[in-house]
């Protein structure tokens, strides 16, 4: 399993590797204990709801691809702008395509490792631009900063 990030630039790649591993415990370690995920614009979640949201997408078994665009660091905080995509077919044969540009905040912890404090995978996307059908795989929660 890929180690947690030593630099903020590494956080998206660590997230992707752990997401793609299918191991929800490994993925949860990429987040601070009090982290916030915004699985849909205007709908922040944390704690068990954050991990459940990530788990729904992880269970699709489709890898995430991340491409960091910009990283701005100020001491122990960093703003990450990351393009990401999940594109493939789920175990039931449904085509899944979900993508975005994340605006994420990572923080260096006391152990020197960087983790997500805020994971906002859809960045500035307006609420109405996303699918509203909760049964649609493309409308599932996502965790990427990626």
N, C-alpha and C. Protein backbone atom coordinates (compact mmCIF):
# COMPACT_ATOMS: atom_id res chain seq x y z
N UNK A 1 0.84 -1.18 0.00
CA UNK A 1 0.00 0.00 0.00
C UNK A 1 0.88 1.24 0.00
N UNK A 2 0.54 2.19 -0.81
CA UNK A 2 1.32 3.42 -0.89
C UNK A 2 1.25 4.18 0.43
N UNK A 3 2.39 4.65 0.89
CA UNK A 3 2.48 5.41 2.14
C UNK A 3 1.74 6.74 2.01
N UNK A 4 1.35 7.31 3.14
CA UNK A 4 0.73 8.63 3.14
C UNK A 4 1.72 9.66 2.63
N UNK A 5 1.20 10.79 2.18
CA UNK A 5 2.00 11.81 1.50
C UNK A 5 2.96 12.53 2.44
N UNK A 6 4.19 12.71 1.96
CA UNK A 6 5.19 13.52 2.66
C UNK A 6 5.13 14.97 2.19
N UNK A 7 4.51 15.19 1.03
CA UNK A 7 4.38 16.53 0.46
C UNK A 7 2.95 16.70 -0.04
N UNK A 8 2.42 17.91 -0.03
CA UNK A 8 1.03 18.08 -0.46
C UNK A 8 0.79 17.67 -1.91
N UNK A 9 1.81 17.80 -2.75
CA UNK A 9 1.67 17.41 -4.16
C UNK A 9 1.37 15.93 -4.32
N UNK A 10 1.71 15.13 -3.31
CA UNK A 10 1.54 13.68 -3.39
C UNK A 10 0.15 13.21 -2.96
N UNK A 11 -0.62 14.06 -2.29
CA UNK A 11 -1.90 13.63 -1.72
C UNK A 11 -2.84 13.05 -2.78
N UNK A 12 -3.03 13.68 -3.94
CA UNK A 12 -3.94 13.10 -4.93
C UNK A 12 -3.52 11.70 -5.39
N UNK A 13 -2.24 11.48 -5.60
CA UNK A 13 -1.77 10.17 -6.04
C UNK A 13 -1.96 9.12 -4.95
N UNK A 14 -1.73 9.51 -3.69
CA UNK A 14 -1.96 8.59 -2.58
C UNK A 14 -3.45 8.25 -2.51
N UNK A 15 -4.29 9.27 -2.64
CA UNK A 15 -5.73 9.03 -2.63
C UNK A 15 -6.11 8.03 -3.73
N UNK A 16 -5.65 8.28 -4.96
CA UNK A 16 -6.01 7.42 -6.08
C UNK A 16 -5.54 5.98 -5.85
N UNK A 17 -4.32 5.80 -5.38
CA UNK A 17 -3.80 4.45 -5.15
C UNK A 17 -4.64 3.72 -4.11
N UNK A 18 -4.99 4.41 -3.06
CA UNK A 18 -5.77 3.77 -1.99
C UNK A 18 -7.22 3.57 -2.41
N UNK A 19 -7.79 4.51 -3.15
CA UNK A 19 -9.14 4.33 -3.69
C UNK A 19 -9.17 3.10 -4.60
N UNK A 20 -8.21 3.04 -5.50
CA UNK A 20 -8.17 1.95 -6.48
C UNK A 20 -7.85 0.60 -5.86
N UNK A 21 -7.30 0.60 -4.66
CA UNK A 21 -7.00 -0.67 -3.98
C UNK A 21 -8.29 -1.37 -3.54
N UNK A 22 -9.37 -0.60 -3.39
CA UNK A 22 -10.63 -1.17 -2.92
C UNK A 22 -10.69 -1.31 -1.40
N UNK A 23 -9.66 -0.88 -0.70
CA UNK A 23 -9.59 -1.03 0.75
C UNK A 23 -10.11 0.25 1.42
N UNK A 24 -11.32 0.22 2.00
CA UNK A 24 -11.87 1.43 2.60
C UNK A 24 -11.08 1.93 3.81
N UNK A 25 -10.45 1.04 4.54
CA UNK A 25 -9.65 1.46 5.70
C UNK A 25 -8.43 2.24 5.22
N UNK A 26 -7.78 1.75 4.18
CA UNK A 26 -6.62 2.45 3.63
C UNK A 26 -7.02 3.82 3.10
N UNK A 27 -8.17 3.90 2.43
CA UNK A 27 -8.64 5.18 1.91
C UNK A 27 -8.96 6.14 3.04
N UNK A 28 -9.56 5.68 4.11
CA UNK A 28 -9.92 6.54 5.23
C UNK A 28 -8.69 7.20 5.85
N UNK A 29 -7.54 6.57 5.76
CA UNK A 29 -6.32 7.11 6.35
C UNK A 29 -5.81 8.35 5.62
N UNK A 30 -6.34 8.61 4.44
CA UNK A 30 -5.93 9.77 3.66
C UNK A 30 -6.61 11.05 4.19
N UNK A 31 -7.55 10.88 5.12
CA UNK A 31 -8.32 11.99 5.68
C UNK A 31 -7.97 12.24 7.14
N UNK A 32 -8.01 13.51 7.55
CA UNK A 32 -7.95 13.83 8.96
C UNK A 32 -9.20 13.27 9.64
N UNK A 33 -9.13 13.09 10.95
CA UNK A 33 -10.29 12.57 11.68
C UNK A 33 -11.53 13.45 11.53
N UNK A 34 -11.36 14.76 11.49
CA UNK A 34 -12.49 15.68 11.39
C UNK A 34 -12.68 16.22 9.98
N UNK A 35 -12.17 15.52 8.98
CA UNK A 35 -12.24 15.99 7.60
C UNK A 35 -13.69 16.14 7.12
N UNK A 36 -13.85 16.96 6.10
CA UNK A 36 -15.14 17.19 5.46
C UNK A 36 -15.02 16.79 3.99
N UNK A 37 -16.02 16.06 3.51
CA UNK A 37 -16.15 15.70 2.10
C UNK A 37 -17.43 16.37 1.60
N UNK A 38 -17.37 16.91 0.39
CA UNK A 38 -18.55 17.52 -0.22
C UNK A 38 -18.93 16.63 -1.42
N UNK A 39 -19.69 15.55 -1.18
CA UNK A 39 -19.99 14.60 -2.25
C UNK A 39 -20.90 15.18 -3.32
N UNK A 40 -21.68 16.18 -2.97
CA UNK A 40 -22.51 16.93 -3.92
C UNK A 40 -22.41 18.39 -3.51
N UNK A 41 -22.35 19.30 -4.47
CA UNK A 41 -22.23 20.70 -4.10
C UNK A 41 -23.29 21.10 -3.07
N UNK A 42 -22.82 21.76 -2.01
CA UNK A 42 -23.71 22.23 -0.97
C UNK A 42 -24.08 21.20 0.08
N UNK A 43 -23.48 19.99 0.02
CA UNK A 43 -23.84 18.91 0.94
C UNK A 43 -22.58 18.33 1.60
N UNK A 44 -22.00 19.03 2.57
CA UNK A 44 -20.80 18.49 3.23
C UNK A 44 -21.15 17.36 4.20
N UNK A 45 -20.27 16.38 4.30
CA UNK A 45 -20.42 15.27 5.25
C UNK A 45 -19.08 15.03 5.92
N UNK A 46 -19.12 14.35 7.06
CA UNK A 46 -17.89 14.00 7.75
C UNK A 46 -18.10 12.69 8.51
N UNK A 47 -17.03 12.20 9.13
CA UNK A 47 -17.12 10.99 9.93
C UNK A 47 -17.60 9.79 9.13
N UNK A 48 -18.50 8.99 9.70
CA UNK A 48 -18.99 7.79 9.02
C UNK A 48 -19.66 8.09 7.67
N UNK A 49 -20.30 9.25 7.55
CA UNK A 49 -20.95 9.60 6.28
C UNK A 49 -19.92 9.84 5.18
N UNK A 50 -18.78 10.42 5.53
CA UNK A 50 -17.70 10.62 4.57
C UNK A 50 -17.22 9.27 4.05
N UNK A 51 -16.96 8.35 4.97
CA UNK A 51 -16.43 7.05 4.56
C UNK A 51 -17.47 6.23 3.80
N UNK A 52 -18.74 6.38 4.14
CA UNK A 52 -19.80 5.69 3.40
C UNK A 52 -19.90 6.22 1.98
N UNK A 53 -19.77 7.53 1.82
CA UNK A 53 -19.84 8.14 0.49
C UNK A 53 -18.70 7.63 -0.39
N UNK A 54 -17.50 7.60 0.16
CA UNK A 54 -16.37 7.06 -0.60
C UNK A 54 -16.57 5.58 -0.90
N UNK A 55 -17.08 4.85 0.06
CA UNK A 55 -17.27 3.42 -0.10
C UNK A 55 -18.21 3.07 -1.23
N UNK A 56 -19.26 3.88 -1.42
CA UNK A 56 -20.21 3.61 -2.51
C UNK A 56 -19.51 3.64 -3.86
N UNK A 57 -18.62 4.59 -4.05
CA UNK A 57 -17.91 4.66 -5.33
C UNK A 57 -16.82 3.60 -5.43
N UNK A 58 -16.17 3.35 -4.32
CA UNK A 58 -15.12 2.32 -4.32
C UNK A 58 -15.70 0.97 -4.71
N UNK A 59 -16.91 0.68 -4.26
CA UNK A 59 -17.54 -0.61 -4.55
C UNK A 59 -17.88 -0.79 -6.03
N UNK A 60 -17.89 0.29 -6.80
CA UNK A 60 -18.13 0.16 -8.23
C UNK A 60 -16.98 -0.57 -8.91
N UNK A 61 -15.81 -0.55 -8.28
CA UNK A 61 -14.66 -1.26 -8.84
C UNK A 61 -14.06 -0.60 -10.06
N UNK A 62 -14.34 0.66 -10.25
CA UNK A 62 -13.80 1.40 -11.39
C UNK A 62 -12.71 2.34 -10.88
N UNK A 63 -11.53 2.27 -11.45
CA UNK A 63 -10.44 3.10 -10.93
C UNK A 63 -10.68 4.59 -11.17
N UNK A 64 -10.11 5.38 -10.28
CA UNK A 64 -10.11 6.83 -10.45
C UNK A 64 -8.75 7.24 -11.02
N UNK A 65 -8.77 8.21 -11.91
CA UNK A 65 -7.55 8.78 -12.47
C UNK A 65 -7.52 10.23 -12.03
N UNK A 66 -6.40 10.66 -11.47
CA UNK A 66 -6.27 12.03 -10.98
C UNK A 66 -5.14 12.74 -11.72
N UNK A 67 -5.32 14.04 -11.92
CA UNK A 67 -4.28 14.85 -12.54
C UNK A 67 -4.21 16.19 -11.80
N UNK A 68 -3.27 16.32 -10.86
CA UNK A 68 -3.13 17.59 -10.15
C UNK A 68 -2.82 18.72 -11.14
N UNK A 69 -3.55 19.79 -10.97
CA UNK A 69 -3.36 20.95 -11.84
C UNK A 69 -2.51 22.01 -11.14
N UNK A 70 -2.84 22.30 -9.87
CA UNK A 70 -2.11 23.32 -9.11
C UNK A 70 -2.08 22.93 -7.64
N UNK A 71 -0.99 23.27 -6.98
CA UNK A 71 -0.87 23.09 -5.53
C UNK A 71 -0.27 24.36 -4.96
N UNK A 72 -0.95 24.94 -3.99
CA UNK A 72 -0.49 26.15 -3.32
C UNK A 72 -0.32 25.84 -1.84
N UNK A 73 0.89 26.01 -1.36
CA UNK A 73 1.20 25.65 0.03
C UNK A 73 1.51 26.89 0.86
N UNK A 74 1.00 26.90 2.09
CA UNK A 74 1.31 27.94 3.06
C UNK A 74 1.52 27.25 4.39
N UNK A 75 2.76 27.00 4.74
CA UNK A 75 3.07 26.32 5.99
C UNK A 75 2.52 24.90 5.99
N UNK A 76 1.65 24.62 6.95
CA UNK A 76 1.08 23.27 7.09
C UNK A 76 -0.25 23.10 6.36
N UNK A 77 -0.63 24.08 5.53
CA UNK A 77 -1.86 23.99 4.74
C UNK A 77 -1.54 24.03 3.26
N UNK A 78 -2.37 23.39 2.47
CA UNK A 78 -2.19 23.44 1.02
C UNK A 78 -3.55 23.38 0.33
N UNK A 79 -3.68 24.17 -0.72
CA UNK A 79 -4.85 24.14 -1.60
C UNK A 79 -4.46 23.34 -2.83
N UNK A 80 -5.26 22.33 -3.16
CA UNK A 80 -4.98 21.48 -4.32
C UNK A 80 -6.12 21.61 -5.32
N UNK A 81 -5.78 21.85 -6.57
CA UNK A 81 -6.75 21.88 -7.66
C UNK A 81 -6.43 20.65 -8.51
N UNK A 82 -7.39 19.72 -8.59
CA UNK A 82 -7.11 18.41 -9.18
C UNK A 82 -8.23 18.00 -10.14
N UNK A 83 -7.88 17.67 -11.36
CA UNK A 83 -8.83 17.08 -12.31
C UNK A 83 -8.87 15.58 -12.04
N UNK A 84 -10.07 15.00 -12.11
CA UNK A 84 -10.21 13.56 -11.85
C UNK A 84 -11.34 13.00 -12.71
N UNK A 85 -11.27 11.69 -12.92
CA UNK A 85 -12.32 11.01 -13.68
C UNK A 85 -12.43 9.55 -13.22
N UNK A 86 -13.66 9.09 -13.15
CA UNK A 86 -13.97 7.67 -12.96
C UNK A 86 -14.77 7.28 -14.19
N UNK A 87 -14.25 6.37 -14.98
CA UNK A 87 -14.86 6.04 -16.27
C UNK A 87 -14.72 4.55 -16.52
N UNK A 88 -15.85 3.86 -16.65
CA UNK A 88 -15.80 2.43 -16.89
C UNK A 88 -17.17 1.80 -16.75
N UNK A 89 -17.17 0.51 -16.54
CA UNK A 89 -18.41 -0.25 -16.40
C UNK A 89 -18.42 -0.90 -15.03
N UNK A 90 -19.54 -0.75 -14.31
CA UNK A 90 -19.62 -1.32 -12.97
C UNK A 90 -19.89 -2.82 -13.05
N UNK A 91 -19.88 -3.52 -11.92
CA UNK A 91 -20.06 -4.98 -11.93
C UNK A 91 -21.40 -5.44 -12.52
N UNK A 92 -22.39 -4.54 -12.58
CA UNK A 92 -23.69 -4.91 -13.15
C UNK A 92 -23.82 -4.51 -14.61
N UNK A 93 -22.72 -4.07 -15.21
CA UNK A 93 -22.72 -3.74 -16.63
C UNK A 93 -23.15 -2.32 -16.96
N UNK A 94 -23.37 -1.48 -15.96
CA UNK A 94 -23.76 -0.09 -16.21
C UNK A 94 -22.53 0.76 -16.51
N UNK A 95 -22.66 1.61 -17.49
CA UNK A 95 -21.60 2.54 -17.82
C UNK A 95 -21.60 3.65 -16.78
N UNK A 96 -20.42 3.94 -16.25
CA UNK A 96 -20.26 4.98 -15.24
C UNK A 96 -19.24 5.98 -15.76
N UNK A 97 -19.64 7.24 -15.75
CA UNK A 97 -18.69 8.30 -16.09
C UNK A 97 -18.99 9.48 -15.17
N UNK A 98 -18.05 9.80 -14.32
CA UNK A 98 -18.18 10.95 -13.43
C UNK A 98 -16.81 11.60 -13.37
N UNK A 99 -16.81 12.93 -13.44
CA UNK A 99 -15.54 13.63 -13.43
C UNK A 99 -15.74 15.00 -12.82
N UNK A 100 -14.64 15.65 -12.50
CA UNK A 100 -14.72 16.99 -11.95
C UNK A 100 -13.34 17.59 -11.78
N UNK A 101 -13.35 18.79 -11.28
CA UNK A 101 -12.12 19.47 -10.87
C UNK A 101 -12.29 19.79 -9.41
N UNK A 102 -11.50 19.13 -8.58
CA UNK A 102 -11.60 19.27 -7.14
C UNK A 102 -10.87 20.51 -6.66
N UNK A 103 -11.42 21.12 -5.62
CA UNK A 103 -10.71 22.14 -4.85
C UNK A 103 -10.62 21.58 -3.44
N UNK A 104 -9.44 21.14 -3.06
CA UNK A 104 -9.23 20.43 -1.81
C UNK A 104 -8.25 21.18 -0.92
N UNK A 105 -8.38 20.94 0.38
CA UNK A 105 -7.44 21.49 1.34
C UNK A 105 -6.79 20.32 2.07
N UNK A 106 -5.47 20.30 2.07
CA UNK A 106 -4.72 19.28 2.80
C UNK A 106 -3.95 19.97 3.92
N UNK A 107 -3.69 19.19 4.98
CA UNK A 107 -2.95 19.73 6.12
C UNK A 107 -1.90 18.71 6.55
N UNK A 108 -0.74 19.25 6.92
CA UNK A 108 0.31 18.38 7.45
C UNK A 108 0.01 18.11 8.92
N UNK A 109 -0.02 16.83 9.27
CA UNK A 109 -0.31 16.43 10.64
C UNK A 109 0.93 16.40 11.51
N UNK A 110 0.74 16.13 12.80
CA UNK A 110 1.88 16.05 13.73
C UNK A 110 2.90 14.99 13.33
N UNK A 111 2.47 13.99 12.56
CA UNK A 111 3.38 12.94 12.11
C UNK A 111 4.14 13.32 10.84
N UNK A 112 3.90 14.56 10.33
CA UNK A 112 4.57 15.03 9.12
C UNK A 112 3.88 14.60 7.84
N UNK A 113 2.81 13.82 7.91
CA UNK A 113 2.09 13.34 6.72
C UNK A 113 0.94 14.29 6.38
N UNK A 114 0.68 14.40 5.09
CA UNK A 114 -0.37 15.28 4.59
C UNK A 114 -1.64 14.47 4.36
N UNK A 115 -2.77 15.03 4.82
CA UNK A 115 -4.09 14.39 4.66
C UNK A 115 -5.10 15.44 4.26
N UNK A 116 -6.20 14.98 3.69
CA UNK A 116 -7.28 15.90 3.36
C UNK A 116 -7.97 16.41 4.61
N UNK A 117 -8.15 17.72 4.69
CA UNK A 117 -8.98 18.35 5.71
C UNK A 117 -10.35 18.64 5.08
N UNK A 118 -10.33 19.06 3.80
CA UNK A 118 -11.55 19.30 3.03
C UNK A 118 -11.36 18.67 1.67
N UNK A 119 -12.29 17.82 1.29
CA UNK A 119 -12.27 17.16 -0.01
C UNK A 119 -13.53 17.60 -0.74
N UNK A 120 -13.36 18.48 -1.72
CA UNK A 120 -14.48 19.05 -2.47
C UNK A 120 -14.32 18.67 -3.94
N UNK A 121 -14.71 17.43 -4.30
CA UNK A 121 -14.40 16.90 -5.62
C UNK A 121 -15.03 17.64 -6.80
N UNK A 122 -16.12 18.36 -6.57
CA UNK A 122 -16.76 19.06 -7.68
C UNK A 122 -16.45 20.55 -7.69
N UNK A 123 -15.53 20.97 -6.84
CA UNK A 123 -15.06 22.35 -6.86
C UNK A 123 -16.18 23.36 -6.81
N UNK A 124 -16.25 24.20 -7.82
CA UNK A 124 -17.24 25.27 -7.85
C UNK A 124 -18.49 24.90 -8.63
N UNK A 125 -18.65 23.63 -8.98
CA UNK A 125 -19.84 23.22 -9.74
C UNK A 125 -21.12 23.58 -8.99
N UNK A 126 -22.10 24.04 -9.72
CA UNK A 126 -23.39 24.37 -9.13
C UNK A 126 -24.16 23.10 -8.85
N UNK A 127 -24.96 23.11 -7.82
CA UNK A 127 -25.73 21.94 -7.41
C UNK A 127 -26.54 21.37 -8.57
N UNK A 128 -27.19 22.20 -9.37
CA UNK A 128 -28.07 21.71 -10.42
C UNK A 128 -27.33 21.08 -11.60
N UNK A 129 -26.02 21.20 -11.68
CA UNK A 129 -25.31 20.63 -12.82
C UNK A 129 -25.04 19.14 -12.65
N UNK A 130 -25.29 18.60 -11.46
CA UNK A 130 -25.02 17.19 -11.22
C UNK A 130 -26.31 16.39 -11.28
N UNK A 131 -26.21 15.12 -11.63
CA UNK A 131 -27.38 14.26 -11.67
C UNK A 131 -28.04 14.22 -10.29
N UNK A 132 -29.34 14.32 -10.25
CA UNK A 132 -30.06 14.31 -8.99
C UNK A 132 -30.61 12.94 -8.65
N UNK A 133 -30.49 11.98 -9.56
CA UNK A 133 -31.02 10.64 -9.33
C UNK A 133 -30.09 9.87 -8.41
N UNK A 134 -30.51 9.59 -7.17
CA UNK A 134 -29.62 8.90 -6.23
C UNK A 134 -29.30 7.48 -6.63
N UNK A 135 -30.03 6.90 -7.57
CA UNK A 135 -29.75 5.54 -8.02
C UNK A 135 -28.71 5.52 -9.14
N UNK A 136 -28.43 6.67 -9.71
CA UNK A 136 -27.49 6.75 -10.81
C UNK A 136 -26.06 6.68 -10.29
N UNK A 137 -25.22 5.78 -10.83
CA UNK A 137 -23.84 5.69 -10.35
C UNK A 137 -23.09 7.01 -10.51
N UNK A 138 -23.41 7.76 -11.53
CA UNK A 138 -22.74 9.03 -11.75
C UNK A 138 -23.10 10.08 -10.72
N UNK A 139 -24.16 9.85 -9.95
CA UNK A 139 -24.54 10.84 -8.95
C UNK A 139 -24.07 10.44 -7.57
N UNK A 140 -23.34 9.34 -7.47
CA UNK A 140 -22.83 8.90 -6.18
C UNK A 140 -21.83 9.90 -5.64
N UNK A 141 -21.60 9.82 -4.41
CA UNK A 141 -20.60 10.67 -3.77
C UNK A 141 -19.22 10.26 -4.24
N UNK A 142 -18.35 11.22 -4.28
CA UNK A 142 -16.99 10.94 -4.69
C UNK A 142 -16.03 11.59 -3.72
N UNK A 143 -14.89 10.95 -3.60
CA UNK A 143 -13.90 11.52 -2.76
C UNK A 143 -12.63 11.68 -3.54
N UNK A 144 -12.29 12.64 -4.10
CA UNK A 144 -11.06 12.82 -4.77
C UNK A 144 -10.70 14.22 -4.62
N UNK A 145 -9.87 14.21 -4.29
CA UNK A 145 -9.38 15.47 -4.57
C UNK A 145 -8.88 15.34 -5.88
N UNK A 146 -8.65 14.48 -5.80
CA UNK A 146 -7.94 14.19 -6.94
C UNK A 146 -8.06 15.22 -7.91
